[in-house]
Amino acid sequence: MTICESRCVASSTADSDDPGTSAKGRSMENKDLEGLFFCCSRVRMAEIGDGTSNTFMIGESKSETFSQDGNQMDFWYIGSPQIDPCNCQTGAGATEQSEFCGSTGVPYNARAIPALSGYIKELSFSSLHANGGQFVLADGSVRFVPYNINAATYQGLGSRGEGESLTDF
């Protein structure tokens, strides 16, 4: 069964849930990600340098349960028993942040690209719409973002302080 769920935006660089499978060395376990919602995040509105109307907060994610490269593509909500706790003192845990957070550091709609690994697909945003998906911005507004958005712009909209703007697409 295919449904669409919403997930928080954690990063604009993370390419895996786990540091051991990250090609960039940026995983969802990092405590210093560029998005709004990540492990141990305490981002204040004043820290959104791009402006709240230019920063993704939540995006659609197509939920089709399948496995690839040892990754189960399924999404749950915060509080799911699959989600490891994030220990902010020791930095341990948080190995299943992709259950409720994604990254613009991987291609948009990566599930449609067969050659990509399951590690990347697990973090990708996508939707049931044919041409794109909905994103909630930090100001509370909702925008339809087409799949053909410039990749650098899309990636940047997942960060809170790199100077990207929605007018760039």
C-alpha atoms as a PDB file:
ATOM      1  CA  MET A   1       0.000   0.000   0.000  1.00  0.00           C
ATOM      2  CA  THR A   2       1.304   3.437  -0.894  1.00  0.00           C
ATOM      3  CA  ILE A   3       0.440   6.409   1.271  1.00  0.00           C
ATOM      4  CA  CYS A   4       1.970   9.816   1.743  1.00  0.00           C
ATOM      5  CA  GLU A   5       3.204  11.034   5.104  1.00  0.00           C
ATOM      6  CA  SER A   6       4.972  14.133   6.327  1.00  0.00           C
ATOM      7  CA  ARG A   7       8.497  14.170   7.689  1.00  0.00           C
ATOM      8  CA  CYS A   8      10.602  16.889   9.220  1.00  0.00           C
ATOM      9  CA  VAL A   9      13.592  18.340   7.387  1.00  0.00           C
ATOM     10  CA  ALA A  10      16.758  17.571   9.346  1.00  0.00           C
ATOM     11  CA  SER A  11      19.555  18.371   6.934  1.00  0.00           C
ATOM     12  CA  SER A  12      20.732  19.666   3.603  1.00  0.00           C
ATOM     13  CA  THR A  13      23.838  17.453   3.583  1.00  0.00           C
ATOM     14  CA  ALA A  14      23.072  14.112   5.293  1.00  0.00           C
ATOM     15  CA  ASP A  15      23.096  11.200   2.867  1.00  0.00           C
ATOM     16  CA  SER A  16      22.510   8.273   5.236  1.00  0.00           C
ATOM     17  CA  ASP A  17      20.893   7.408   8.528  1.00  0.00           C
ATOM     18  CA  ASP A  18      24.145   5.944   9.830  1.00  0.00           C
ATOM     19  CA  PRO A  19      27.713   7.345   9.688  1.00  0.00           C
ATOM     20  CA  GLY A  20      29.055   3.956   8.558  1.00  0.00           C
ATOM     21  CA  THR A  21      27.136   4.149   5.267  1.00  0.00           C
ATOM     22  CA  SER A  22      27.497   7.872   4.549  1.00  0.00           C
ATOM     23  CA  ALA A  23      29.558   8.805   1.488  1.00  0.00           C
ATOM     24  CA  LYS A  24      29.765  12.449   2.633  1.00  0.00           C
ATOM     25  CA  GLY A  25      30.462  11.800   6.308  1.00  0.00           C
ATOM     26  CA  ARG A  26      27.161  13.511   7.201  1.00  0.00           C
ATOM     27  CA  SER A  27      24.496  11.250   8.630  1.00  0.00           C
ATOM     28  CA  MET A  28      21.265  11.747  10.505  1.00  0.00           C
ATOM     29  CA  GLU A  29      23.183  10.896  13.696  1.00  0.00           C
ATOM     30  CA  ASN A  30      25.167  14.158  13.508  1.00  0.00           C
ATOM     31  CA  LYS A  31      24.185  16.625  16.219  1.00  0.00           C
ATOM     32  CA  ASP A  32      25.078  19.705  14.136  1.00  0.00           C
ATOM     33  CA  LEU A  33      22.907  19.369  11.043  1.00  0.00           C
ATOM     34  CA  GLU A  34      21.746  22.378   9.022  1.00  0.00           C
ATOM     35  CA  GLY A  35      17.982  21.783   9.034  1.00  0.00           C
ATOM     36  CA  LEU A  36      15.426  22.546  11.703  1.00  0.00           C
ATOM     37  CA  PHE A  37      14.686  19.124  13.224  1.00  0.00           C
ATOM     38  CA  PHE A  38      17.580  16.810  13.993  1.00  0.00           C
ATOM     39  CA  CYS A  39      18.795  14.826  16.961  1.00  0.00           C
ATOM     40  CA  CYS A  40      19.118  17.134  19.993  1.00  0.00           C
ATOM     41  CA  SER A  41      18.019  20.126  17.885  1.00  0.00           C
ATOM     42  CA  ARG A  42      17.223  23.350  19.703  1.00  0.00           C
ATOM     43  CA  VAL A  43      16.989  25.715  16.730  1.00  0.00           C
ATOM     44  CA  ARG A  44      15.297  29.008  17.525  1.00  0.00           C
ATOM     45  CA  MET A  45      13.426  31.072  14.933  1.00  0.00           C
ATOM     46  CA  ALA A  46      16.089  33.773  15.233  1.00  0.00           C
ATOM     47  CA  GLU A  47      18.674  31.239  14.031  1.00  0.00           C
ATOM     48  CA  ILE A  48      16.962  30.750  10.654  1.00  0.00           C
ATOM     49  CA  GLY A  49      19.264  33.037   8.683  1.00  0.00           C
ATOM     50  CA  ASP A  50      17.599  32.347   5.325  1.00  0.00           C
ATOM     51  CA  GLY A  51      14.304  33.579   6.759  1.00  0.00           C
ATOM     52  CA  THR A  52      11.341  31.458   7.745  1.00  0.00           C
ATOM     53  CA  SER A  53       9.741  31.850   4.305  1.00  0.00           C
ATOM     54  CA  ASN A  54      12.840  30.354   2.639  1.00  0.00           C
ATOM     55  CA  THR A  55      13.449  27.319   4.847  1.00  0.00           C
ATOM     56  CA  PHE A  56      11.770  23.910   4.581  1.00  0.00           C
ATOM     57  CA  MET A  57      10.370  22.574   7.834  1.00  0.00           C
ATOM     58  CA  ILE A  58       8.266  19.549   6.763  1.00  0.00           C
ATOM     59  CA  GLY A  59       7.960  17.708   3.461  1.00  0.00           C
ATOM     60  CA  GLU A  60       5.865  14.972   1.920  1.00  0.00           C
ATOM     61  CA  SER A  61       7.286  11.463   1.816  1.00  0.00           C
ATOM     62  CA  LYS A  62       5.757   8.635  -0.147  1.00  0.00           C
ATOM     63  CA  SER A  63       5.591   5.608   2.092  1.00  0.00           C
ATOM     64  CA  GLU A  64       5.947   2.405   0.118  1.00  0.00           C
ATOM     65  CA  THR A  65       7.237  -0.367   2.300  1.00  0.00           C
ATOM     66  CA  PHE A  66      10.134  -2.114   0.567  1.00  0.00           C
ATOM     67  CA  SER A  67      13.728  -3.037   1.329  1.00  0.00           C
ATOM     68  CA  GLN A  68      16.914  -2.159  -0.522  1.00  0.00           C
ATOM     69  CA  ASP A  69      20.540  -2.455   0.627  1.00  0.00           C
ATOM     70  CA  GLY A  70      19.382  -3.556   4.064  1.00  0.00           C
ATOM     71  CA  ASN A  71      17.155  -0.504   4.516  1.00  0.00           C
ATOM     72  CA  GLN A  72      13.459  -0.837   5.175  1.00  0.00           C
ATOM     73  CA  MET A  73      11.598   2.024   3.495  1.00  0.00           C
ATOM     74  CA  ASP A  74       8.870   2.733   5.971  1.00  0.00           C
ATOM     75  CA  PHE A  75       8.123   5.808   8.007  1.00  0.00           C
ATOM     76  CA  TRP A  76       6.731   6.089  11.494  1.00  0.00           C
ATOM     77  CA  TYR A  77       6.031   8.934  13.798  1.00  0.00           C
ATOM     78  CA  ILE A  78       8.001  10.164  16.780  1.00  0.00           C
ATOM     79  CA  GLY A  79       7.570   7.710  19.602  1.00  0.00           C
ATOM     80  CA  SER A  80       7.788   4.647  17.380  1.00  0.00           C
ATOM     81  CA  PRO A  81       9.553   1.724  19.072  1.00  0.00           C
ATOM     82  CA  GLN A  82      11.936   1.560  16.084  1.00  0.00           C
ATOM     83  CA  ILE A  83      13.462   4.940  16.886  1.00  0.00           C
ATOM     84  CA  ASP A  84      16.534   4.818  19.068  1.00  0.00           C
ATOM     85  CA  PRO A  85      16.769   7.550  21.688  1.00  0.00           C
ATOM     86  CA  CYS A  86      19.133  10.407  21.046  1.00  0.00           C
ATOM     87  CA  ASN A  87      21.461  10.792  24.007  1.00  0.00           C
ATOM     88  CA  CYS A  88      22.519  14.433  23.821  1.00  0.00           C
ATOM     89  CA  GLN A  89      25.164  14.055  26.543  1.00  0.00           C
ATOM     90  CA  THR A  90      27.102  11.149  25.040  1.00  0.00           C
ATOM     91  CA  GLY A  91      26.123  11.456  21.378  1.00  0.00           C
ATOM     92  CA  ALA A  92      25.041   7.817  21.276  1.00  0.00           C
ATOM     93  CA  GLY A  93      21.911   6.467  19.673  1.00  0.00           C
ATOM     94  CA  ALA A  94      19.594   8.065  17.148  1.00  0.00           C
ATOM     95  CA  THR A  95      20.125   5.425  14.485  1.00  0.00           C
ATOM     96  CA  GLU A  96      16.606   5.596  13.045  1.00  0.00           C
ATOM     97  CA  GLN A  97      16.034   9.327  12.600  1.00  0.00           C
ATOM     98  CA  SER A  98      14.933   8.667   8.999  1.00  0.00           C
ATOM     99  CA  GLU A  99      11.715   7.219  10.393  1.00  0.00           C
ATOM    100  CA  PHE A 100      10.468  10.770  10.895  1.00  0.00           C
ATOM    101  CA  CYS A 101      13.064  13.083   9.280  1.00  0.00           C
ATOM    102  CA  GLY A 102      14.484  13.435   5.775  1.00  0.00           C
ATOM    103  CA  SER A 103      17.280  15.323   4.047  1.00  0.00           C
ATOM    104  CA  THR A 104      17.507  17.585   1.016  1.00  0.00           C
ATOM    105  CA  GLY A 105      21.119  16.406   0.786  1.00  0.00           C
ATOM    106  CA  VAL A 106      19.893  13.516  -1.358  1.00  0.00           C
ATOM    107  CA  PRO A 107      18.016  13.823  -4.657  1.00  0.00           C
ATOM    108  CA  TYR A 108      14.363  14.816  -4.501  1.00  0.00           C
ATOM    109  CA  ASN A 109      12.177  11.821  -5.404  1.00  0.00           C
ATOM    110  CA  ALA A 110      15.195   9.478  -5.264  1.00  0.00           C
ATOM    111  CA  ARG A 111      12.884   6.467  -5.219  1.00  0.00           C
ATOM    112  CA  ALA A 112      12.288   7.063  -8.920  1.00  0.00           C
ATOM    113  CA  ILE A 113      16.029   6.585  -9.640  1.00  0.00           C
ATOM    114  CA  PRO A 114      16.678   2.804  -9.609  1.00  0.00           C
ATOM    115  CA  ALA A 115      20.489   3.087  -9.515  1.00  0.00           C
ATOM    116  CA  LEU A 116      20.541   4.968  -6.181  1.00  0.00           C
ATOM    117  CA  SER A 117      21.180   3.083  -2.962  1.00  0.00           C
ATOM    118  CA  GLY A 118      18.587   2.391  -0.315  1.00  0.00           C
ATOM    119  CA  TYR A 119      20.564   4.591   2.090  1.00  0.00           C
ATOM    120  CA  ILE A 120      19.816   7.586  -0.125  1.00  0.00           C
ATOM    121  CA  LYS A 121      16.219   6.633  -0.942  1.00  0.00           C
ATOM    122  CA  GLU A 122      15.483   6.275   2.773  1.00  0.00           C
ATOM    123  CA  LEU A 123      16.131  10.012   3.333  1.00  0.00           C
ATOM    124  CA  SER A 124      14.503  11.365   0.169  1.00  0.00           C
ATOM    125  CA  PHE A 125      11.310  13.382   0.064  1.00  0.00           C
ATOM    126  CA  SER A 126       8.694  12.408  -2.551  1.00  0.00           C
ATOM    127  CA  SER A 127       4.943  12.399  -2.976  1.00  0.00           C
ATOM    128  CA  LEU A 128       2.013  10.805  -4.772  1.00  0.00           C
ATOM    129  CA  HIS A 129       1.704  13.913  -6.984  1.00  0.00           C
ATOM    130  CA  ALA A 130       3.053  13.352 -10.501  1.00  0.00           C
ATOM    131  CA  ASN A 131       5.210  16.497 -10.692  1.00  0.00           C
ATOM    132  CA  GLY A 132       6.351  17.356  -7.156  1.00  0.00           C
ATOM    133  CA  GLY A 133       5.341  17.586  -3.532  1.00  0.00           C
ATOM    134  CA  GLN A 134       4.190  19.890  -0.774  1.00  0.00           C
ATOM    135  CA  PHE A 135       6.562  21.436   1.763  1.00  0.00           C
ATOM    136  CA  VAL A 136       5.699  23.404   4.881  1.00  0.00           C
ATOM    137  CA  LEU A 137       8.023  26.343   5.366  1.00  0.00           C
ATOM    138  CA  ALA A 138       9.192  27.587   8.749  1.00  0.00           C
ATOM    139  CA  ASP A 139       6.733  30.503   8.492  1.00  0.00           C
ATOM    140  CA  GLY A 140       3.843  27.999   8.335  1.00  0.00           C
ATOM    141  CA  SER A 141       3.054  28.496   4.655  1.00  0.00           C
ATOM    142  CA  VAL A 142       2.818  25.560   2.254  1.00  0.00           C
ATOM    143  CA  ARG A 143       4.390  25.467  -1.207  1.00  0.00           C
ATOM    144  CA  PHE A 144       4.220  22.943  -4.014  1.00  0.00           C
ATOM    145  CA  VAL A 145       7.807  22.208  -5.029  1.00  0.00           C
ATOM    146  CA  PRO A 146       8.235  20.620  -8.482  1.00  0.00           C
ATOM    147  CA  TYR A 147      10.537  17.631  -8.936  1.00  0.00           C
ATOM    148  CA  ASN A 148      12.464  19.583 -11.569  1.00  0.00           C
ATOM    149  CA  ILE A 149      13.591  22.262  -9.080  1.00  0.00           C
ATOM    150  CA  ASN A 150      17.271  23.154  -9.426  1.00  0.00           C
ATOM    151  CA  ALA A 151      19.135  20.577  -7.306  1.00  0.00           C
ATOM    152  CA  ALA A 152      21.341  23.169  -5.551  1.00  0.00           C
ATOM    153  CA  THR A 153      18.312  25.322  -4.692  1.00  0.00           C
ATOM    154  CA  TYR A 154      16.405  22.308  -3.379  1.00  0.00           C
ATOM    155  CA  GLN A 155      19.353  21.256  -1.248  1.00  0.00           C
ATOM    156  CA  GLY A 156      19.797  24.772   0.111  1.00  0.00           C
ATOM    157  CA  LEU A 157      16.150  25.149   1.111  1.00  0.00           C
ATOM    158  CA  GLY A 158      16.765  22.342   3.607  1.00  0.00           C
ATOM    159  CA  SER A 159      19.319  24.476   5.447  1.00  0.00           C
ATOM    160  CA  ARG A 160      18.505  27.303   7.782  1.00  0.00           C
ATOM    161  CA  GLY A 161      21.349  29.685   7.007  1.00  0.00           C
ATOM    162  CA  GLU A 162      23.025  29.460   3.601  1.00  0.00           C
ATOM    163  CA  GLY A 163      21.221  32.287   1.782  1.00  0.00           C
ATOM    164  CA  GLU A 164      18.933  30.333  -0.563  1.00  0.00           C
ATOM    165  CA  SER A 165      15.523  31.657  -1.497  1.00  0.00           C
ATOM    166  CA  LEU A 166      12.338  30.147  -2.886  1.00  0.00           C
ATOM    167  CA  THR A 167      12.481  32.801  -5.585  1.00  0.00           C
ATOM    168  CA  ASP A 168      15.462  30.870  -6.975  1.00  0.00           C
ATOM    169  CA  PHE A 169      13.096  28.435  -8.727  1.00  0.00           C
END
